């Protein structure tokens, strides 16, 4: 099979998938860098779970100060949920470990970038 045919076959198979195993690396200048690993599905809106590990940047330093070097992120139909550390839960008050980020709220607060980041479909 030619390289072009192999790429077409891979593109066709990927286009038919409704879920994927995910490994990601994100860097936002000196603000934050992180790695993510898990699984996501998009057959009926975005759903899935990722483990996100902070690897550098100012925001990562701040998260480490709250006892968080990583977190679990869950994507459900209505919102993104982040499980934070015990120390974070104590500092935030109420001992709540899960922080909810509603997609509608993110779109409203974030303007164009919030709408893009919050679109579950």
PDB file of N, CA and C in Angstrom:
ATOM      1  N   UNK A   1       0.856  -1.173   0.000  1.00  0.00           N
ATOM      2  CA  UNK A   1       0.000   0.000   0.000  1.00  0.00           C
ATOM      3  C   UNK A   1       0.905   1.240   0.000  1.00  0.00           C
ATOM      4  N   UNK A   2       0.554   2.205  -0.822  1.00  0.00           N
ATOM      5  CA  UNK A   2       1.332   3.440  -0.888  1.00  0.00           C
ATOM      6  C   UNK A   2       1.112   4.271   0.375  1.00  0.00           C
ATOM      7  N   UNK A   3       2.040   5.167   0.700  1.00  0.00           N
ATOM      8  CA  UNK A   3       1.856   6.036   1.870  1.00  0.00           C
ATOM      9  C   UNK A   3       0.568   6.871   1.780  1.00  0.00           C
ATOM     10  N   UNK A   4       0.248   7.342   0.585  1.00  0.00           N
ATOM     11  CA  UNK A   4      -0.967   8.141   0.409  1.00  0.00           C
ATOM     12  C   UNK A   4      -2.209   7.295   0.679  1.00  0.00           C
ATOM     13  N   UNK A   5      -2.231   6.077   0.178  1.00  0.00           N
ATOM     14  CA  UNK A   5      -3.367   5.179   0.407  1.00  0.00           C
ATOM     15  C   UNK A   5      -3.486   4.832   1.894  1.00  0.00           C
ATOM     16  N   UNK A   6      -2.356   4.626   2.559  1.00  0.00           N
ATOM     17  CA  UNK A   6      -2.370   4.325   3.994  1.00  0.00           C
ATOM     18  C   UNK A   6      -2.950   5.489   4.778  1.00  0.00           C
ATOM     19  N   UNK A   7      -2.582   6.711   4.414  1.00  0.00           N
ATOM     20  CA  UNK A   7      -3.125   7.890   5.091  1.00  0.00           C
ATOM     21  C   UNK A   7      -4.622   8.033   4.847  1.00  0.00           C
ATOM     22  N   UNK A   8      -5.062   7.750   3.629  1.00  0.00           N
ATOM     23  CA  UNK A   8      -6.498   7.808   3.338  1.00  0.00           C
ATOM     24  C   UNK A   8      -7.267   6.771   4.145  1.00  0.00           C
ATOM     25  N   UNK A   9      -6.722   5.565   4.249  1.00  0.00           N
ATOM     26  CA  UNK A   9      -7.360   4.506   5.025  1.00  0.00           C
ATOM     27  C   UNK A   9      -7.459   4.908   6.500  1.00  0.00           C
ATOM     28  N   UNK A  10      -6.386   5.468   7.044  1.00  0.00           N
ATOM     29  CA  UNK A  10      -6.385   5.920   8.438  1.00  0.00           C
ATOM     30  C   UNK A  10      -7.387   7.055   8.639  1.00  0.00           C
ATOM     31  N   UNK A  11      -7.446   7.995   7.702  1.00  0.00           N
ATOM     32  CA  UNK A  11      -8.389   9.115   7.801  1.00  0.00           C
ATOM     33  C   UNK A  11      -9.824   8.622   7.748  1.00  0.00           C
ATOM     34  N   UNK A  12     -10.116   7.659   6.882  1.00  0.00           N
ATOM     35  CA  UNK A  12     -11.473   7.096   6.791  1.00  0.00           C
ATOM     36  C   UNK A  12     -11.861   6.404   8.094  1.00  0.00           C
ATOM     37  N   UNK A  13     -10.955   5.604   8.645  1.00  0.00           N
ATOM     38  CA  UNK A  13     -11.238   4.891   9.890  1.00  0.00           C
ATOM     39  C   UNK A  13     -11.437   5.869  11.039  1.00  0.00           C
ATOM     40  N   UNK A  14     -10.617   6.903  11.100  1.00  0.00           N
ATOM     41  CA  UNK A  14     -10.725   7.902  12.157  1.00  0.00           C
ATOM     42  C   UNK A  14     -12.038   8.661  12.048  1.00  0.00           C
ATOM     43  N   UNK A  15     -12.454   8.976  10.833  1.00  0.00           N
ATOM     44  CA  UNK A  15     -13.700   9.697  10.619  1.00  0.00           C
ATOM     45  C   UNK A  15     -14.923   8.920  11.077  1.00  0.00           C
ATOM     46  N   UNK A  16     -14.838   7.605  11.109  1.00  0.00           N
ATOM     47  CA  UNK A  16     -15.959   6.769  11.527  1.00  0.00           C
ATOM     48  C   UNK A  16     -15.983   6.512  13.040  1.00  0.00           C
ATOM     49  N   UNK A  17     -14.902   6.826  13.722  1.00  0.00           N
ATOM     50  CA  UNK A  17     -14.818   6.557  15.167  1.00  0.00           C
ATOM     51  C   UNK A  17     -15.677   7.538  15.948  1.00  0.00           C
ATOM     52  N   UNK A  18     -16.170   7.071  17.103  1.00  0.00           N
ATOM     53  CA  UNK A  18     -16.905   7.976  17.984  1.00  0.00           C
ATOM     54  C   UNK A  18     -16.261   8.066  19.365  1.00  0.00           C
ATOM     55  N   UNK A  19     -15.039   7.529  19.468  1.00  0.00           N
ATOM     56  CA  UNK A  19     -14.284   7.644  20.708  1.00  0.00           C
ATOM     57  C   UNK A  19     -12.800   7.450  20.394  1.00  0.00           C
ATOM     58  N   UNK A  20     -11.961   7.846  21.362  1.00  0.00           N
ATOM     59  CA  UNK A  20     -10.524   7.712  21.153  1.00  0.00           C
ATOM     60  C   UNK A  20      -9.788   7.684  22.487  1.00  0.00           C
ATOM     61  N   UNK A  21      -8.690   6.992  22.513  1.00  0.00           N
ATOM     62  CA  UNK A  21      -7.733   7.061  23.608  1.00  0.00           C
ATOM     63  C   UNK A  21      -6.948   8.335  23.360  1.00  0.00           C
ATOM     64  N   UNK A  22      -6.745   9.147  24.384  1.00  0.00           N
ATOM     65  CA  UNK A  22      -6.157  10.467  24.220  1.00  0.00           C
ATOM     66  C   UNK A  22      -4.875  10.603  25.023  1.00  0.00           C
ATOM     67  N   UNK A  23      -3.845  11.118  24.383  1.00  0.00           N
ATOM     68  CA  UNK A  23      -2.623  11.572  25.040  1.00  0.00           C
ATOM     69  C   UNK A  23      -2.373  12.962  24.498  1.00  0.00           C
ATOM     70  N   UNK A  24      -2.286  13.943  25.388  1.00  0.00           N
ATOM     71  CA  UNK A  24      -2.131  15.320  24.919  1.00  0.00           C
ATOM     72  C   UNK A  24      -1.053  16.044  25.700  1.00  0.00           C
ATOM     73  N   UNK A  25      -0.504  17.051  25.065  1.00  0.00           N
ATOM     74  CA  UNK A  25       0.440  17.971  25.695  1.00  0.00           C
ATOM     75  C   UNK A  25      -0.025  19.364  25.342  1.00  0.00           C
ATOM     76  N   UNK A  26      -0.157  20.221  26.357  1.00  0.00           N
ATOM     77  CA  UNK A  26      -0.614  21.589  26.150  1.00  0.00           C
ATOM     78  C   UNK A  26       0.372  22.544  26.799  1.00  0.00           C
ATOM     79  N   UNK A  27       0.676  23.618  26.101  1.00  0.00           N
ATOM     80  CA  UNK A  27       1.536  24.655  26.655  1.00  0.00           C
ATOM     81  C   UNK A  27       0.934  26.007  26.327  1.00  0.00           C
ATOM     82  N   UNK A  28       0.802  26.845  27.365  1.00  0.00           N
ATOM     83  CA  UNK A  28       0.273  28.196  27.184  1.00  0.00           C
ATOM     84  C   UNK A  28       1.341  29.165  27.683  1.00  0.00           C
ATOM     85  N   UNK A  29       2.355  29.355  26.850  1.00  0.00           N
ATOM     86  CA  UNK A  29       3.461  30.239  27.205  1.00  0.00           C
ATOM     87  C   UNK A  29       4.056  29.866  28.549  1.00  0.00           C
ATOM     88  N   UNK A  30       4.360  30.885  29.371  1.00  0.00           N
ATOM     89  CA  UNK A  30       4.899  30.615  30.698  1.00  0.00           C
ATOM     90  C   UNK A  30       3.797  30.487  31.745  1.00  0.00           C
ATOM     91  N   UNK A  31       2.528  30.543  31.297  1.00  0.00           N
ATOM     92  CA  UNK A  31       1.406  30.409  32.220  1.00  0.00           C
ATOM     93  C   UNK A  31       1.228  28.970  32.694  1.00  0.00           C
ATOM     94  N   UNK A  32       1.223  28.011  31.756  1.00  0.00           N
ATOM     95  CA  UNK A  32       0.977  26.628  32.147  1.00  0.00           C
ATOM     96  C   UNK A  32       1.386  25.665  31.047  1.00  0.00           C
ATOM     97  N   UNK A  33       1.872  24.518  31.486  1.00  0.00           N
ATOM     98  CA  UNK A  33       2.025  23.389  30.579  1.00  0.00           C
ATOM     99  C   UNK A  33       1.510  22.158  31.322  1.00  0.00           C
ATOM    100  N   UNK A  34       0.922  21.242  30.556  1.00  0.00           N
ATOM    101  CA  UNK A  34       0.332  20.055  31.171  1.00  0.00           C
ATOM    102  C   UNK A  34       0.258  18.927  30.158  1.00  0.00           C
ATOM    103  N   UNK A  35       0.117  17.713  30.709  1.00  0.00           N
ATOM    104  CA  UNK A  35      -0.075  16.521  29.896  1.00  0.00           C
ATOM    105  C   UNK A  35      -1.387  15.882  30.314  1.00  0.00           C
ATOM    106  N   UNK A  36      -2.080  15.315  29.346  1.00  0.00           N
ATOM    107  CA  UNK A  36      -3.342  14.649  29.631  1.00  0.00           C
ATOM    108  C   UNK A  36      -3.349  13.246  29.064  1.00  0.00           C
ATOM    109  N   UNK A  37      -4.074  12.352  29.741  1.00  0.00           N
ATOM    110  CA  UNK A  37      -4.180  10.977  29.282  1.00  0.00           C
ATOM    111  C   UNK A  37      -5.533  10.415  29.714  1.00  0.00           C
ATOM    112  N   UNK A  38      -6.199   9.725  28.804  1.00  0.00           N
ATOM    113  CA  UNK A  38      -7.484   9.125  29.129  1.00  0.00           C
ATOM    114  C   UNK A  38      -8.251   8.756  27.888  1.00  0.00           C
ATOM    115  N   UNK A  39      -9.567   8.830  27.980  1.00  0.00           N
ATOM    116  CA  UNK A  39     -10.420   8.479  26.851  1.00  0.00           C
ATOM    117  C   UNK A  39     -11.576   9.448  26.723  1.00  0.00           C
ATOM    118  N   UNK A  40     -11.923   9.774  25.490  1.00  0.00           N
ATOM    119  CA  UNK A  40     -13.041  10.671  25.200  1.00  0.00           C
ATOM    120  C   UNK A  40     -13.926  10.056  24.128  1.00  0.00           C
ATOM    121  N   UNK A  41     -15.208  10.353  24.224  1.00  0.00           N
ATOM    122  CA  UNK A  41     -16.179   9.929  23.208  1.00  0.00           C
ATOM    123  C   UNK A  41     -16.979  11.148  22.790  1.00  0.00           C
ATOM    124  N   UNK A  42     -17.449  11.159  21.558  1.00  0.00           N
ATOM    125  CA  UNK A  42     -18.202  12.301  21.051  1.00  0.00           C
ATOM    126  C   UNK A  42     -19.443  11.875  20.271  1.00  0.00           C
ATOM    127  N   UNK A  43     -19.859  10.636  20.424  1.00  0.00           N
ATOM    128  CA  UNK A  43     -21.033  10.133  19.720  1.00  0.00           C
ATOM    129  C   UNK A  43     -22.314  10.847  20.125  1.00  0.00           C
ATOM    130  N   UNK A  44     -22.427  11.244  21.379  1.00  0.00           N
ATOM    131  CA  UNK A  44     -23.611  11.930  21.895  1.00  0.00           C
ATOM    132  C   UNK A  44     -23.133  13.085  22.769  1.00  0.00           C
ATOM    133  N   UNK A  45     -22.434  14.046  22.185  1.00  0.00           N
ATOM    134  CA  UNK A  45     -21.788  15.107  22.947  1.00  0.00           C
ATOM    135  C   UNK A  45     -20.461  14.593  23.488  1.00  0.00           C
ATOM    136  N   UNK A  46     -19.687  15.461  24.037  1.00  0.00           N
ATOM    137  CA  UNK A  46     -18.377  15.094  24.559  1.00  0.00           C
ATOM    138  C   UNK A  46     -18.521  14.464  25.938  1.00  0.00           C
ATOM    139  N   UNK A  47     -17.969  13.265  26.114  1.00  0.00           N
ATOM    140  CA  UNK A  47     -17.942  12.598  27.409  1.00  0.00           C
ATOM    141  C   UNK A  47     -16.606  11.902  27.562  1.00  0.00           C
ATOM    142  N   UNK A  48     -16.195  11.666  28.796  1.00  0.00           N
ATOM    143  CA  UNK A  48     -14.966  10.928  29.033  1.00  0.00           C
ATOM    144  C   UNK A  48     -14.240  11.402  30.262  1.00  0.00           C
ATOM    145  N   UNK A  49     -13.079  10.799  30.482  1.00  0.00           N
ATOM    146  CA  UNK A  49     -12.254  11.112  31.641  1.00  0.00           C
ATOM    147  C   UNK A  49     -10.799  11.239  31.212  1.00  0.00           C
ATOM    148  N   UNK A  50     -10.144  12.279  31.704  1.00  0.00           N
ATOM    149  CA  UNK A  50      -8.717  12.484  31.482  1.00  0.00           C
ATOM    150  C   UNK A  50      -8.031  12.704  32.816  1.00  0.00           C
ATOM    151  N   UNK A  51      -6.807  12.235  32.943  1.00  0.00           N
ATOM    152  CA  UNK A  51      -5.947  12.614  34.058  1.00  0.00           C
ATOM    153  C   UNK A  51      -5.004  13.670  33.519  1.00  0.00           C
ATOM    154  N   UNK A  52      -5.024  14.834  34.142  1.00  0.00           N
ATOM    155  CA  UNK A  52      -4.207  15.964  33.696  1.00  0.00           C
ATOM    156  C   UNK A  52      -3.113  16.197  34.720  1.00  0.00           C
ATOM    157  N   UNK A  53      -1.864  16.200  34.254  1.00  0.00           N
ATOM    158  CA  UNK A  53      -0.708  16.413  35.117  1.00  0.00           C
ATOM    159  C   UNK A  53      -0.059  17.736  34.756  1.00  0.00           C
ATOM    160  N   UNK A  54       0.106  18.589  35.750  1.00  0.00           N
ATOM    161  CA  UNK A  54       0.730  19.900  35.539  1.00  0.00           C
ATOM    162  C   UNK A  54       2.236  19.707  35.439  1.00  0.00           C
ATOM    163  N   UNK A  55       2.829  20.250  34.389  1.00  0.00           N
ATOM    164  CA  UNK A  55       4.255  20.037  34.168  1.00  0.00           C
ATOM    165  C   UNK A  55       5.090  21.307  34.252  1.00  0.00           C
ATOM    166  N   UNK A  56       4.464  22.478  34.292  1.00  0.00           N
ATOM    167  CA  UNK A  56       5.249  23.704  34.422  1.00  0.00           C
ATOM    168  C   UNK A  56       4.404  24.951  34.278  1.00  0.00           C
ATOM    169  N   UNK A  57       5.017  26.104  34.526  1.00  0.00           N
ATOM    170  CA  UNK A  57       4.352  27.388  34.378  1.00  0.00           C
ATOM    171  C   UNK A  57       3.837  27.947  35.692  1.00  0.00           C
ATOM    172  N   UNK A  58       3.470  29.227  35.654  1.00  0.00           N
ATOM    173  CA  UNK A  58       3.008  29.923  36.858  1.00  0.00           C
ATOM    174  C   UNK A  58       1.748  29.298  37.449  1.00  0.00           C
ATOM    175  N   UNK A  59       0.795  28.957  36.607  1.00  0.00           N
ATOM    176  CA  UNK A  59      -0.443  28.367  37.109  1.00  0.00           C
ATOM    177  C   UNK A  59      -0.174  26.985  37.697  1.00  0.00           C
ATOM    178  N   UNK A  60       0.725  26.243  37.108  1.00  0.00           N
ATOM    179  CA  UNK A  60       1.090  24.936  37.644  1.00  0.00           C
ATOM    180  C   UNK A  60       1.729  25.084  39.013  1.00  0.00           C
ATOM    181  N   UNK A  61       2.571  26.099  39.177  1.00  0.00           N
ATOM    182  CA  UNK A  61       3.182  26.358  40.481  1.00  0.00           C
ATOM    183  C   UNK A  61       2.109  26.656  41.520  1.00  0.00           C
ATOM    184  N   UNK A  62       1.109  27.435  41.133  1.00  0.00           N
ATOM    185  CA  UNK A  62       0.015  27.758  42.054  1.00  0.00           C
ATOM    186  C   UNK A  62      -0.779  26.500  42.409  1.00  0.00           C
ATOM    187  N   UNK A  63      -1.010  25.628  41.448  1.00  0.00           N
ATOM    188  CA  UNK A  63      -1.741  24.386  41.722  1.00  0.00           C
ATOM    189  C   UNK A  63      -0.934  23.481  42.646  1.00  0.00           C
ATOM    190  N   UNK A  64       0.363  23.427  42.442  1.00  0.00           N
ATOM    191  CA  UNK A  64       1.208  22.613  43.320  1.00  0.00           C
ATOM    192  C   UNK A  64       1.135  23.123  44.759  1.00  0.00           C
ATOM    193  N   UNK A  65       1.031  24.441  44.926  1.00  0.00           N
ATOM    194  CA  UNK A  65       0.932  25.032  46.270  1.00  0.00           C
ATOM    195  C   UNK A  65      -0.355  24.592  46.972  1.00  0.00           C
ATOM    196  N   UNK A  66      -1.367  24.199  46.207  1.00  0.00           N
ATOM    197  CA  UNK A  66      -2.615  23.703  46.801  1.00  0.00           C
ATOM    198  C   UNK A  66      -2.602  22.182  46.927  1.00  0.00           C
ATOM    199  N   UNK A  67      -1.449  21.580  46.691  1.00  0.00           N
ATOM    200  CA  UNK A  67      -1.341  20.131  46.821  1.00  0.00           C
ATOM    201  C   UNK A  67      -1.740  19.357  45.583  1.00  0.00           C
ATOM    202  N   UNK A  68      -1.898  20.035  44.468  1.00  0.00           N
ATOM    203  CA  UNK A  68      -2.331  19.379  43.231  1.00  0.00           C
ATOM    204  C   UNK A  68      -1.211  19.350  42.206  1.00  0.00           C
ATOM    205  N   UNK A  69      -0.720  18.161  41.914  1.00  0.00           N
ATOM    206  CA  UNK A  69       0.210  18.018  40.799  1.00  0.00           C
ATOM    207  C   UNK A  69      -0.509  17.433  39.592  1.00  0.00           C
ATOM    208  N   UNK A  70      -1.697  16.893  39.850  1.00  0.00           N
ATOM    209  CA  UNK A  70      -2.525  16.382  38.766  1.00  0.00           C
ATOM    210  C   UNK A  70      -3.976  16.398  39.235  1.00  0.00           C
ATOM    211  N   UNK A  71      -4.877  16.206  38.287  1.00  0.00           N
ATOM    212  CA  UNK A  71      -6.293  16.141  38.619  1.00  0.00           C
ATOM    213  C   UNK A  71      -6.992  15.234  37.627  1.00  0.00           C
ATOM    214  N   UNK A  72      -8.156  14.772  38.041  1.00  0.00           N
ATOM    215  CA  UNK A  72      -8.999  14.006  37.142  1.00  0.00           C
ATOM    216  C   UNK A  72     -10.040  14.957  36.563  1.00  0.00           C
ATOM    217  N   UNK A  73     -10.196  14.927  35.271  1.00  0.00           N
ATOM    218  CA  UNK A  73     -11.196  15.748  34.597  1.00  0.00           C
ATOM    219  C   UNK A  73     -12.240  14.820  33.986  1.00  0.00           C
ATOM    220  N   UNK A  74     -13.511  15.123  34.257  1.00  0.00           N
ATOM    221  CA  UNK A  74     -14.615  14.343  33.686  1.00  0.00           C
ATOM    222  C   UNK A  74     -15.458  15.263  32.825  1.00  0.00           C
ATOM    223  N   UNK A  75     -15.702  14.826  31.621  1.00  0.00           N
ATOM    224  CA  UNK A  75     -16.524  15.573  30.674  1.00  0.00           C
ATOM    225  C   UNK A  75     -17.878  14.879  30.573  1.00  0.00           C
ATOM    226  N   UNK A  76     -18.929  15.590  30.944  1.00  0.00           N
ATOM    227  CA  UNK A  76     -20.288  15.073  30.858  1.00  0.00           C
ATOM    228  C   UNK A  76     -21.082  15.974  29.915  1.00  0.00           C
ATOM    229  N   UNK A  77     -22.314  15.635  29.659  1.00  0.00           N
ATOM    230  CA  UNK A  77     -23.096  16.368  28.666  1.00  0.00           C
ATOM    231  C   UNK A  77     -23.307  17.830  29.017  1.00  0.00           C
ATOM    232  N   UNK A  78     -23.376  18.166  30.303  1.00  0.00           N
ATOM    233  CA  UNK A  78     -23.688  19.536  30.712  1.00  0.00           C
ATOM    234  C   UNK A  78     -22.505  20.338  31.205  1.00  0.00           C
ATOM    235  N   UNK A  79     -21.416  19.661  31.580  1.00  0.00           N
ATOM    236  CA  UNK A  79     -20.320  20.382  32.230  1.00  0.00           C
ATOM    237  C   UNK A  79     -19.052  19.544  32.253  1.00  0.00           C
ATOM    238  N   UNK A  80     -17.988  20.229  32.566  1.00  0.00           N
ATOM    239  CA  UNK A  80     -16.675  19.639  32.802  1.00  0.00           C
ATOM    240  C   UNK A  80     -16.477  19.672  34.314  1.00  0.00           C
ATOM    241  N   UNK A  81     -16.034  18.562  34.911  1.00  0.00           N
ATOM    242  CA  UNK A  81     -15.811  18.469  36.351  1.00  0.00           C
ATOM    243  C   UNK A  81     -14.346  18.163  36.613  1.00  0.00           C
ATOM    244  N   UNK A  82     -13.754  18.852  37.575  1.00  0.00           N
ATOM    245  CA  UNK A  82     -12.353  18.644  37.928  1.00  0.00           C
ATOM    246  C   UNK A  82     -12.270  18.192  39.379  1.00  0.00           C
ATOM    247  N   UNK A  83     -11.586  17.078  39.630  1.00  0.00           N
ATOM    248  CA  UNK A  83     -11.394  16.594  41.002  1.00  0.00           C
ATOM    249  C   UNK A  83     -10.079  17.147  41.523  1.00  0.00           C
ATOM    250  N   UNK A  84     -10.184  17.944  42.574  1.00  0.00           N
ATOM    251  CA  UNK A  84      -9.034  18.629  43.129  1.00  0.00           C
ATOM    252  C   UNK A  84      -8.528  17.909  44.384  1.00  0.00           C
ATOM    253  N   UNK A  85      -7.362  18.320  44.853  1.00  0.00           N
ATOM    254  CA  UNK A  85      -6.715  17.679  45.995  1.00  0.00           C
ATOM    255  C   UNK A  85      -7.438  17.970  47.309  1.00  0.00           C
ATOM    256  N   UNK A  86      -7.089  17.219  48.318  1.00  0.00           N
ATOM    257  CA  UNK A  86      -7.634  17.419  49.662  1.00  0.00           C
ATOM    258  C   UNK A  86      -7.309  18.827  50.161  1.00  0.00           C
ATOM    259  N   UNK A  87      -6.073  19.262  49.980  1.00  0.00           N
ATOM    260  CA  UNK A  87      -5.666  20.597  50.429  1.00  0.00           C
ATOM    261  C   UNK A  87      -6.463  21.682  49.708  1.00  0.00           C
ATOM    262  N   UNK A  88      -6.663  21.521  48.417  1.00  0.00           N
ATOM    263  CA  UNK A  88      -7.469  22.475  47.653  1.00  0.00           C
ATOM    264  C   UNK A  88      -8.890  22.523  48.217  1.00  0.00           C
ATOM    265  N   UNK A  89      -9.465  21.353  48.480  1.00  0.00           N
ATOM    266  CA  UNK A  89     -10.831  21.287  48.998  1.00  0.00           C
ATOM    267  C   UNK A  89     -10.942  22.012  50.339  1.00  0.00           C
ATOM    268  N   UNK A  90      -9.945  21.845  51.194  1.00  0.00           N
ATOM    269  CA  UNK A  90      -9.958  22.526  52.487  1.00  0.00           C
ATOM    270  C   UNK A  90      -9.833  24.038  52.321  1.00  0.00           C
ATOM    271  N   UNK A  91      -8.953  24.471  51.419  1.00  0.00           N
ATOM    272  CA  UNK A  91      -8.742  25.902  51.198  1.00  0.00           C
ATOM    273  C   UNK A  91      -9.939  26.556  50.528  1.00  0.00           C
ATOM    274  N   UNK A  92     -10.622  25.827  49.663  1.00  0.00           N
ATOM    275  CA  UNK A  92     -11.766  26.386  48.945  1.00  0.00           C
ATOM    276  C   UNK A  92     -13.002  26.452  49.829  1.00  0.00           C
ATOM    277  N   UNK A  93     -12.951  25.780  50.943  1.00  0.00           N
ATOM    278  CA  UNK A  93     -14.089  25.790  51.869  1.00  0.00           C
ATOM    279  C   UNK A  93     -15.089  24.702  51.549  1.00  0.00           C
ATOM    280  N   UNK A  94     -15.637  24.149  52.574  1.00  0.00           N
ATOM    281  CA  UNK A  94     -16.674  23.140  52.384  1.00  0.00           C
ATOM    282  C   UNK A  94     -16.157  21.746  52.098  1.00  0.00           C
ATOM    283  N   UNK A  95     -14.866  21.585  51.897  1.00  0.00           N
ATOM    284  CA  UNK A  95     -14.299  20.272  51.652  1.00  0.00           C
ATOM    285  C   UNK A  95     -14.695  19.633  50.333  1.00  0.00           C
ATOM    286  N   UNK A  96     -15.161  20.434  49.398  1.00  0.00           N
ATOM    287  CA  UNK A  96     -15.586  19.891  48.098  1.00  0.00           C
ATOM    288  C   UNK A  96     -14.371  19.622  47.211  1.00  0.00           C
ATOM    289  N   UNK A  97     -14.303  18.409  46.716  1.00  0.00           N
ATOM    290  CA  UNK A  97     -13.198  18.026  45.840  1.00  0.00           C
ATOM    291  C   UNK A  97     -13.496  18.268  44.370  1.00  0.00           C
ATOM    292  N   UNK A  98     -14.763  18.233  44.002  1.00  0.00           N
ATOM    293  CA  UNK A  98     -15.146  18.376  42.602  1.00  0.00           C
ATOM    294  C   UNK A  98     -15.561  19.810  42.315  1.00  0.00           C
ATOM    295  N   UNK A  99     -14.974  20.380  41.271  1.00  0.00           N
ATOM    296  CA  UNK A  99     -15.321  21.724  40.817  1.00  0.00           C
ATOM    297  C   UNK A  99     -16.040  21.562  39.480  1.00  0.00           C
ATOM    298  N   UNK A 100     -17.207  22.195  39.356  1.00  0.00           N
ATOM    299  CA  UNK A 100     -18.007  22.094  38.136  1.00  0.00           C
ATOM    300  C   UNK A 100     -17.815  23.339  37.284  1.00  0.00           C
ATOM    301  N   UNK A 101     -17.557  23.130  35.999  1.00  0.00           N
ATOM    302  CA  UNK A 101     -17.462  24.206  35.017  1.00  0.00           C
ATOM    303  C   UNK A 101     -18.534  23.948  33.964  1.00  0.00           C
ATOM    304  N   UNK A 102     -19.691  24.591  34.094  1.00  0.00           N
ATOM    305  CA  UNK A 102     -20.768  24.415  33.134  1.00  0.00           C
ATOM    306  C   UNK A 102     -20.386  24.991  31.779  1.00  0.00           C
ATOM    307  N   UNK A 103     -20.678  24.277  30.715  1.00  0.00           N
ATOM    308  CA  UNK A 103     -20.326  24.740  29.372  1.00  0.00           C
ATOM    309  C   UNK A 103     -20.991  26.079  29.051  1.00  0.00           C
ATOM    310  N   UNK A 104     -22.256  26.247  29.439  1.00  0.00           N
ATOM    311  CA  UNK A 104     -22.940  27.520  29.193  1.00  0.00           C
ATOM    312  C   UNK A 104     -22.275  28.657  29.951  1.00  0.00           C
ATOM    313  N   UNK A 105     -21.884  28.406  31.202  1.00  0.00           N
ATOM    314  CA  UNK A 105     -21.207  29.428  32.007  1.00  0.00           C
ATOM    315  C   UNK A 105     -19.861  29.802  31.395  1.00  0.00           C
ATOM    316  N   UNK A 106     -19.115  28.792  30.953  1.00  0.00           N
ATOM    317  CA  UNK A 106     -17.804  29.060  30.356  1.00  0.00           C
ATOM    318  C   UNK A 106     -17.949  29.896  29.089  1.00  0.00           C
ATOM    319  N   UNK A 107     -18.950  29.595  28.286  1.00  0.00           N
ATOM    320  CA  UNK A 107     -19.176  30.362  27.059  1.00  0.00           C
ATOM    321  C   UNK A 107     -19.533  31.804  27.387  1.00  0.00           C
ATOM    322  N   UNK A 108     -20.384  31.998  28.388  1.00  0.00           N
ATOM    323  CA  UNK A 108     -20.819  33.339  28.773  1.00  0.00           C
ATOM    324  C   UNK A 108     -19.656  34.156  29.349  1.00  0.00           C
ATOM    325  N   UNK A 109     -18.844  33.539  30.205  1.00  0.00           N
ATOM    326  CA  UNK A 109     -17.751  34.255  30.864  1.00  0.00           C
ATOM    327  C   UNK A 109     -16.526  34.413  29.976  1.00  0.00           C
ATOM    328  N   UNK A 110     -16.310  33.473  29.080  1.00  0.00           N
ATOM    329  CA  UNK A 110     -15.082  33.475  28.286  1.00  0.00           C
ATOM    330  C   UNK A 110     -15.197  34.141  26.934  1.00  0.00           C
ATOM    331  N   UNK A 111     -16.348  34.694  26.576  1.00  0.00           N
ATOM    332  CA  UNK A 111     -16.510  35.301  25.254  1.00  0.00           C
ATOM    333  C   UNK A 111     -16.268  34.260  24.185  1.00  0.00           C
ATOM    334  N   UNK A 112     -15.629  34.667  23.101  1.00  0.00           N
ATOM    335  CA  UNK A 112     -15.369  33.763  21.980  1.00  0.00           C
ATOM    336  C   UNK A 112     -14.519  32.580  22.366  1.00  0.00           C
ATOM    337  N   UNK A 113     -13.475  32.802  23.173  1.00  0.00           N
ATOM    338  CA  UNK A 113     -12.605  31.689  23.547  1.00  0.00           C
ATOM    339  C   UNK A 113     -13.320  30.738  24.498  1.00  0.00           C
ATOM    340  N   UNK A 114     -14.181  31.262  25.367  1.00  0.00           N
ATOM    341  CA  UNK A 114     -14.938  30.395  26.268  1.00  0.00           C
ATOM    342  C   UNK A 114     -15.946  29.554  25.517  1.00  0.00           C
ATOM    343  N   UNK A 115     -16.573  30.127  24.508  1.00  0.00           N
ATOM    344  CA  UNK A 115     -17.535  29.365  23.712  1.00  0.00           C
ATOM    345  C   UNK A 115     -16.837  28.247  22.962  1.00  0.00           C
ATOM    346  N   UNK A 116     -15.680  28.509  22.452  1.00  0.00           N
ATOM    347  CA  UNK A 116     -14.922  27.499  21.718  1.00  0.00           C
ATOM    348  C   UNK A 116     -14.482  26.371  22.652  1.00  0.00           C
ATOM    349  N   UNK A 117     -13.942  26.750  23.831  1.00  0.00           N
ATOM    350  CA  UNK A 117     -13.455  25.755  24.780  1.00  0.00           C
ATOM    351  C   UNK A 117     -14.589  24.963  25.403  1.00  0.00           C
ATOM    352  N   UNK A 118     -15.764  25.560  25.487  1.00  0.00           N
ATOM    353  CA  UNK A 118     -16.839  24.914  26.205  1.00  0.00           C
ATOM    354  C   UNK A 118     -17.777  24.119  25.312  1.00  0.00           C
ATOM    355  N   UNK A 119     -17.583  24.154  24.027  1.00  0.00           N
ATOM    356  CA  UNK A 119     -18.495  23.464  23.125  1.00  0.00           C
ATOM    357  C   UNK A 119     -18.341  21.956  23.273  1.00  0.00           C
ATOM    358  N   UNK A 120     -19.355  21.266  23.848  1.00  0.00           N
ATOM    359  CA  UNK A 120     -19.239  19.836  24.051  1.00  0.00           C
ATOM    360  C   UNK A 120     -19.479  19.010  22.799  1.00  0.00           C
ATOM    361  N   UNK A 121     -19.862  19.614  21.690  1.00  0.00           N
ATOM    362  CA  UNK A 121     -20.104  18.841  20.478  1.00  0.00           C
ATOM    363  C   UNK A 121     -19.197  19.278  19.358  1.00  0.00           C
TER     364      UNK A 121
END
